[in-house]
Protein backbone atom coordinates (compact mmCIF):
# COMPACT_ATOMS: atom_id res chain seq x y z
CA MET A 1 49.95 -57.44 -26.25
CA LYS A 2 49.49 -61.40 -25.15
CA ASN A 3 51.16 -60.02 -21.51
CA ARG A 4 48.47 -57.20 -21.11
CA PHE A 5 45.88 -60.40 -21.07
CA TYR A 6 47.83 -61.81 -18.46
CA VAL A 7 47.61 -58.69 -16.66
CA ILE A 8 44.01 -58.12 -17.03
CA TYR A 9 43.76 -61.84 -15.24
CA ILE A 10 45.63 -60.61 -12.04
CA ILE A 11 43.02 -57.51 -12.00
CA VAL A 12 40.09 -60.08 -12.85
CA ALA A 13 41.02 -62.18 -9.72
CA ALA A 14 41.48 -59.32 -7.37
CA THR A 15 37.86 -57.83 -8.40
CA LEU A 16 36.11 -61.26 -7.86
CA TRP A 17 38.20 -61.29 -4.11
CA GLY A 18 37.17 -57.72 -3.85
CA ILE A 19 33.26 -58.72 -4.11
CA LEU A 20 33.47 -61.34 -1.59
CA GLY A 21 31.86 -59.25 1.06
CA ILE A 22 28.59 -59.05 -0.49
CA PHE A 23 28.20 -62.93 -0.19
CA VAL A 24 29.44 -62.90 3.20
CA ARG A 25 27.14 -60.03 4.20
CA GLU A 26 24.35 -61.93 2.52
CA LEU A 27 24.90 -65.32 4.65
CA THR A 28 25.52 -63.08 7.79
CA ALA A 29 21.99 -62.02 7.47
CA ARG A 30 21.00 -65.61 7.50
CA TYR A 31 22.72 -66.41 10.80
CA PHE A 32 25.71 -68.14 9.31
CA THR A 33 28.69 -67.75 11.86
CA SER A 34 32.37 -66.69 10.37
CA ILE A 35 33.58 -70.69 10.68
CA ASP A 36 30.19 -71.58 8.76
CA ILE A 37 31.37 -69.78 5.77
CA VAL A 38 34.59 -70.72 5.99
CA SER A 39 33.29 -74.30 5.80
CA LEU A 40 31.05 -73.71 3.03
CA ARG A 41 33.73 -72.11 0.92
CA GLY A 42 36.29 -74.61 1.66
CA PHE A 43 34.03 -77.82 0.93
CA GLY A 44 32.70 -76.11 -2.32
CA ALA A 45 35.92 -74.96 -3.77
CA ALA A 46 37.21 -78.26 -3.00
CA VAL A 47 34.58 -79.81 -4.82
CA CYS A 48 35.24 -77.65 -7.82
CA PHE A 49 39.05 -78.07 -8.02
CA PHE A 50 38.57 -81.72 -7.81
CA ILE A 51 36.46 -81.96 -10.50
CA TYR A 52 38.65 -79.55 -12.44
CA LEU A 53 41.85 -81.51 -11.84
CA ILE A 54 40.13 -84.79 -12.81
CA ILE A 55 38.94 -83.43 -16.06
CA PHE A 56 42.11 -81.78 -16.83
CA ASP A 57 45.09 -83.09 -15.24
CA ARG A 58 44.69 -86.19 -12.71
CA GLU A 59 48.53 -86.27 -11.94
CA LYS A 60 48.07 -83.02 -10.24
CA LEU A 61 46.26 -85.06 -7.48
CA LYS A 62 49.28 -86.73 -6.00
CA ILE A 63 51.05 -85.68 -3.01
CA LYS A 64 53.40 -87.20 -0.77
CA LEU A 65 52.43 -88.47 2.72
CA SER A 66 55.50 -86.73 4.24
CA ASP A 67 54.39 -83.26 3.00
CA LEU A 68 51.17 -83.64 4.25
CA TRP A 69 52.12 -80.78 6.94
CA ILE A 70 52.55 -78.38 4.36
CA PHE A 71 48.82 -78.61 3.33
CA LEU A 72 47.70 -79.20 6.87
CA GLY A 73 49.60 -75.63 7.50
CA SER A 74 48.23 -73.68 4.33
CA GLY A 75 44.76 -75.31 5.27
CA ILE A 76 44.22 -74.56 8.80
CA LEU A 77 47.15 -72.14 10.03
CA SER A 78 46.21 -70.11 7.13
CA ILE A 79 43.12 -70.54 5.22
CA VAL A 80 41.00 -71.37 8.46
CA PHE A 81 42.51 -68.67 10.52
CA PHE A 82 42.73 -66.15 7.55
CA ASN A 83 38.95 -66.47 6.55
CA PHE A 84 37.54 -66.92 9.85
CA CYS A 85 39.15 -63.56 10.74
CA TYR A 86 38.35 -61.73 7.68
CA PHE A 87 34.75 -62.93 7.77
CA TYR A 88 34.65 -61.65 11.19
CA ALA A 89 35.87 -58.39 10.05
CA ILE A 90 33.38 -58.00 7.46
CA GLN A 91 30.50 -58.71 9.60
CA ASN A 92 31.86 -56.32 12.45
CA MET A 93 33.52 -53.31 10.48
CA THR A 94 33.17 -51.59 7.00
CA LEU A 95 34.10 -53.88 3.82
CA SER A 96 36.82 -51.22 3.18
CA VAL A 97 38.56 -51.25 6.62
CA ALA A 98 38.73 -55.21 6.68
CA ALA A 99 40.10 -55.61 3.25
CA ALA A 100 42.45 -52.87 3.91
CA LEU A 101 43.77 -54.55 7.03
CA LEU A 102 43.94 -57.89 5.09
CA TYR A 103 46.46 -56.06 2.62
CA THR A 104 49.07 -55.75 5.66
CA ALA A 105 49.84 -59.18 4.60
CA PRO A 106 52.91 -58.21 2.44
CA ALA A 107 54.22 -56.59 5.51
CA PHE A 108 53.80 -60.22 7.32
CA VAL A 109 55.10 -61.94 4.26
CA THR A 110 58.27 -59.93 4.51
CA ILE A 111 58.73 -60.69 8.20
CA LEU A 112 57.89 -64.55 8.16
CA ALA A 113 60.22 -65.01 4.72
CA HIS A 114 62.83 -63.21 7.02
CA VAL A 115 62.55 -65.65 10.09
CA VAL A 116 61.54 -69.02 8.21
CA LEU A 117 62.76 -68.71 4.97
CA LYS A 118 66.08 -66.73 6.24
CA GLU A 119 65.00 -64.13 3.39
CA LYS A 120 67.31 -61.07 3.58
CA MET A 121 65.58 -57.73 4.18
CA CYS A 122 66.48 -54.54 2.75
CA PHE A 123 65.76 -50.93 3.68
CA LEU A 124 62.92 -50.58 1.57
CA GLN A 125 61.06 -53.43 3.20
CA TYR A 126 61.47 -51.80 6.73
CA VAL A 127 60.02 -48.72 5.19
CA SER A 128 56.95 -50.77 3.88
CA ILE A 129 56.53 -52.33 7.27
CA ALA A 130 56.59 -48.84 9.18
CA ILE A 131 54.15 -47.54 6.60
CA ALA A 132 51.54 -50.43 7.00
CA ILE A 133 51.83 -49.99 10.78
CA LEU A 134 50.81 -46.25 10.33
CA GLY A 135 48.13 -47.25 8.43
CA CYS A 136 46.62 -49.56 10.51
CA ALA A 137 47.00 -46.60 13.29
CA LEU A 138 45.01 -44.46 11.27
CA VAL A 139 42.26 -46.77 10.28
CA SER A 140 42.13 -48.00 13.66
CA GLY A 141 41.62 -44.52 15.36
CA MET A 142 44.57 -44.59 17.42
CA VAL A 143 45.86 -41.39 15.09
CA GLY A 144 43.31 -38.94 15.23
CA THR A 145 40.13 -37.89 17.44
CA LEU A 146 37.77 -40.68 16.88
CA VAL A 147 37.96 -44.58 17.59
CA THR A 148 36.53 -46.13 14.52
CA ILE A 149 37.24 -49.96 15.52
CA THR A 150 37.67 -51.83 18.89
CA PRO A 151 40.92 -53.40 19.95
CA LEU A 152 39.40 -56.77 19.23
CA GLY A 153 38.30 -55.72 15.41
CA LEU A 154 41.90 -54.36 14.75
CA PHE A 155 43.42 -57.79 15.90
CA VAL A 156 41.08 -59.82 14.27
CA GLY A 157 41.69 -57.90 11.07
CA LEU A 158 45.39 -57.71 11.37
CA GLY A 159 44.80 -61.71 11.98
CA ALA A 160 43.29 -61.84 8.56
CA GLY A 161 46.69 -60.47 7.07
CA LEU A 162 48.72 -62.84 9.04
CA GLY A 163 46.80 -65.76 7.97
CA TYR A 164 46.62 -64.64 4.41
CA ALA A 165 50.65 -64.20 4.66
CA LEU A 166 50.89 -67.85 5.87
CA TYR A 167 49.50 -69.09 2.75
CA SER A 168 52.44 -67.62 1.12
CA ILE A 169 55.07 -68.95 3.17
CA PHE A 170 53.33 -72.75 2.95
CA GLY A 171 52.68 -72.23 -0.55
CA LYS A 172 56.23 -71.31 -1.32
CA ILE A 173 57.53 -74.33 0.68
CA ALA A 174 55.52 -76.41 -1.39
CA ILE A 175 56.50 -74.99 -4.66
CA LYS A 176 60.14 -75.89 -3.93
CA LYS A 177 58.79 -79.36 -3.30
CA GLY A 178 57.40 -79.50 -6.89
CA TYR A 179 54.07 -78.88 -6.45
CA SER A 180 51.91 -77.12 -8.79
CA SER A 181 49.47 -74.16 -7.56
CA VAL A 182 46.43 -75.76 -8.44
CA THR A 183 47.38 -78.65 -6.24
CA ILE A 184 48.19 -76.23 -3.46
CA THR A 185 44.87 -74.74 -3.79
CA PHE A 186 42.88 -77.93 -3.77
CA TYR A 187 44.53 -79.61 -0.77
CA THR A 188 44.30 -76.59 1.23
CA PHE A 189 40.73 -75.82 0.73
CA LEU A 190 39.72 -79.46 1.30
CA ILE A 191 41.81 -79.44 4.50
CA SER A 192 40.23 -76.21 5.62
CA GLY A 193 36.66 -77.66 4.65
CA ILE A 194 37.11 -80.94 6.45
CA SER A 195 38.78 -79.29 9.88
CA THR A 196 35.84 -76.68 10.13
CA LEU A 197 33.01 -79.57 9.36
CA PRO A 198 32.63 -80.24 12.97
CA PHE A 199 31.54 -76.85 13.77
CA LEU A 200 29.34 -75.94 11.20
CA HIS A 201 25.70 -75.24 12.37
CA LYS A 202 24.06 -77.79 10.23
CA GLU A 203 20.82 -76.72 11.47
CA ILE A 204 21.36 -73.59 10.10
CA VAL A 205 22.13 -75.04 6.68
CA LEU A 206 18.93 -77.11 6.66
CA GLN A 207 16.82 -74.05 7.34
CA ASN A 208 18.13 -72.27 4.34
CA MET A 209 18.45 -75.19 1.77
CA LYS A 210 15.00 -74.60 0.45
CA ASP A 211 15.93 -70.84 -0.45
CA SER A 212 17.16 -70.33 -3.49
CA SER A 213 18.87 -67.15 -2.67
CA PHE A 214 20.86 -69.17 -0.20
CA TRP A 215 22.21 -71.15 -3.22
CA ILE A 216 22.95 -68.41 -5.40
CA ALA A 217 24.86 -66.66 -2.58
CA VAL A 218 27.10 -69.86 -1.79
CA LEU A 219 27.55 -70.83 -5.51
CA LEU A 220 28.69 -67.16 -6.36
CA MET A 221 30.82 -67.17 -3.42
CA VAL A 222 32.53 -70.57 -4.13
CA PHE A 223 32.65 -69.78 -8.09
CA LEU A 224 33.30 -66.16 -8.58
CA SER A 225 35.42 -65.25 -5.49
CA THR A 226 37.14 -68.40 -4.94
CA VAL A 227 37.45 -71.06 -7.75
CA LEU A 228 37.52 -68.47 -10.54
CA ALA A 229 39.41 -65.77 -8.68
CA PHE A 230 42.12 -68.41 -8.08
CA LEU A 231 42.19 -69.84 -11.30
CA THR A 232 42.44 -66.64 -13.39
CA TYR A 233 45.23 -65.29 -10.46
CA THR A 234 47.13 -68.65 -11.39
CA LYS A 235 46.79 -67.81 -14.90
CA GLY A 236 48.30 -64.56 -14.76
CA LEU A 237 51.10 -65.78 -12.74
CA THR A 238 52.25 -67.72 -15.89
CA GLN A 239 53.31 -64.39 -17.49
CA VAL A 240 53.50 -61.79 -14.90
CA ASN A 241 56.10 -61.50 -12.02
CA ALA A 242 54.87 -62.49 -8.49
CA GLY A 243 55.78 -59.13 -7.26
CA PHE A 244 54.17 -57.19 -9.95
CA ALA A 245 50.66 -59.64 -9.29
CA SER A 246 50.86 -58.64 -5.68
CA VAL A 247 50.73 -55.13 -6.64
CA LEU A 248 47.84 -55.41 -9.28
CA SER A 249 46.18 -57.57 -6.67
CA CYS A 250 45.87 -54.40 -4.63
CA PHE A 251 42.74 -53.67 -6.82
CA GLU A 252 41.03 -55.70 -4.21
CA PRO A 253 40.59 -53.24 -1.23
CA VAL A 254 39.66 -50.76 -4.05
CA VAL A 255 36.97 -52.61 -5.14
CA ALA A 256 35.78 -53.52 -1.60
CA SER A 257 36.08 -49.62 -0.76
CA VAL A 258 33.48 -48.93 -3.69
CA ILE A 259 31.22 -51.47 -2.60
CA SER A 260 31.47 -50.39 0.96
CA ALA A 261 30.90 -46.83 -0.06
CA PHE A 262 28.27 -47.27 -2.77
CA ILE A 263 26.28 -50.42 -2.10
CA TYR A 264 26.25 -50.58 1.81
CA ASN A 265 26.65 -46.66 2.09
CA GLU A 266 29.38 -47.15 4.83
CA LYS A 267 30.49 -43.70 5.84
CA MET A 268 34.46 -43.29 6.55
CA SER A 269 36.32 -40.86 7.99
CA ILE A 270 39.31 -38.91 6.38
CA MET A 271 41.71 -40.71 8.71
CA GLU A 272 40.33 -43.92 7.76
CA TRP A 273 40.74 -43.40 4.03
CA LEU A 274 44.12 -42.08 4.64
CA GLY A 275 44.98 -44.88 6.41
CA ILE A 276 43.69 -47.46 3.59
CA ILE A 277 45.82 -45.52 1.05
CA PHE A 278 48.94 -45.99 3.29
CA ILE A 279 48.19 -49.87 3.52
CA ILE A 280 47.76 -50.13 0.01
CA ILE A 281 50.91 -48.14 -0.88
CA SER A 282 52.51 -50.50 1.82
CA ALA A 283 51.40 -53.47 -0.39
CA CYS A 284 52.51 -51.81 -3.80
CA LEU A 285 55.97 -51.17 -2.10
CA SER A 286 56.34 -54.57 -1.23
CA GLY A 287 55.24 -56.13 -4.71
CA CYS A 288 57.99 -53.63 -6.06
CA ILE A 289 60.79 -54.86 -3.92
CA SER A 290 59.57 -58.54 -4.94
CA LEU A 291 59.30 -57.28 -8.70
CA LYS A 292 62.97 -56.29 -8.73
CA ARG A 293 64.47 -59.64 -7.12
C-alpha cells in the first residue's frame, strides 16, 4: 500500500508536466518568446528550491567548484536547450505532438548512455529506438498523405527530446559524485535562469506586471509544473525504480493530448495519433528495460 502512494507521486508529477502547455500558451499570447519563458521558469524555480533547501536542508546547497561543469551542462545544454525547443514546439504545433516528440528522450538517453557512459545496449533497446523513429515519421507526416509539421518543427521537437535526455546523463554523473536530486535540480534551474537573463525581454515583463493573470500563469507554471512536479517525482523515486518511473511518466503526453483535444480543440490525423502511440510504446519499452536492470 505504501509503494502505491509513491506510484501516485510519479503520476501526479507527469500530470503536472502535462499541463505545462496551458501556461506556455498563456504567456505566448502575451508576446513572451520561448527564451523569455525559459528565463522566468528557471529563476522562479531556483528561488523556490533555494527557499526549500534553506528551510529543510542547507547542507545540500554545497557543491565543489570542480563539479561546476556538470551543472553548467545540465543547466544550459539540457534545461535551456530543452525548454527553448519544447516551448517553441508548443507554440508552433499541437500540444500532443510536441509532448510526443519530447518523449523520444528515452531513445536519446539509450544512445547517449552507450556513447558517453559506455553502457551496453541490448536488442530490445535497438527495437525501442526503431519504434521511436517510426513514431516520429508518423507524427511528422513523412509516412502518410499529409505533412503535418515542418522539418524545422520536427527538428525542434526532437531537440526537446535530446535536451531532456541530456538532463539524465548529467544528472547521473552528478549522482555518482554524491549529489542529491534536489541539489542537482536547484543548481540546474539557477544556471538556466542566470544564463538566459541577458535575453529576457524586460519591457514585455514590465508591460504585464500589473496584470494579475500574468502572475497567476507564471506562479502556476513555476509552482505546479516545475517545483511541485520535480519534488513529487523525486519523492516517488525514493521507493519506485527509475525504469518503472519513466514508464509512469509517459502519462505526460497523454495529459497533453487530452488538453490539446478538449481545451484547444486541436484536431489530429489517425497517422499522428498512431505516431504518438508508437513513441509512448518506445518510452515504455525503454523504461521496462531499465526496470529489469
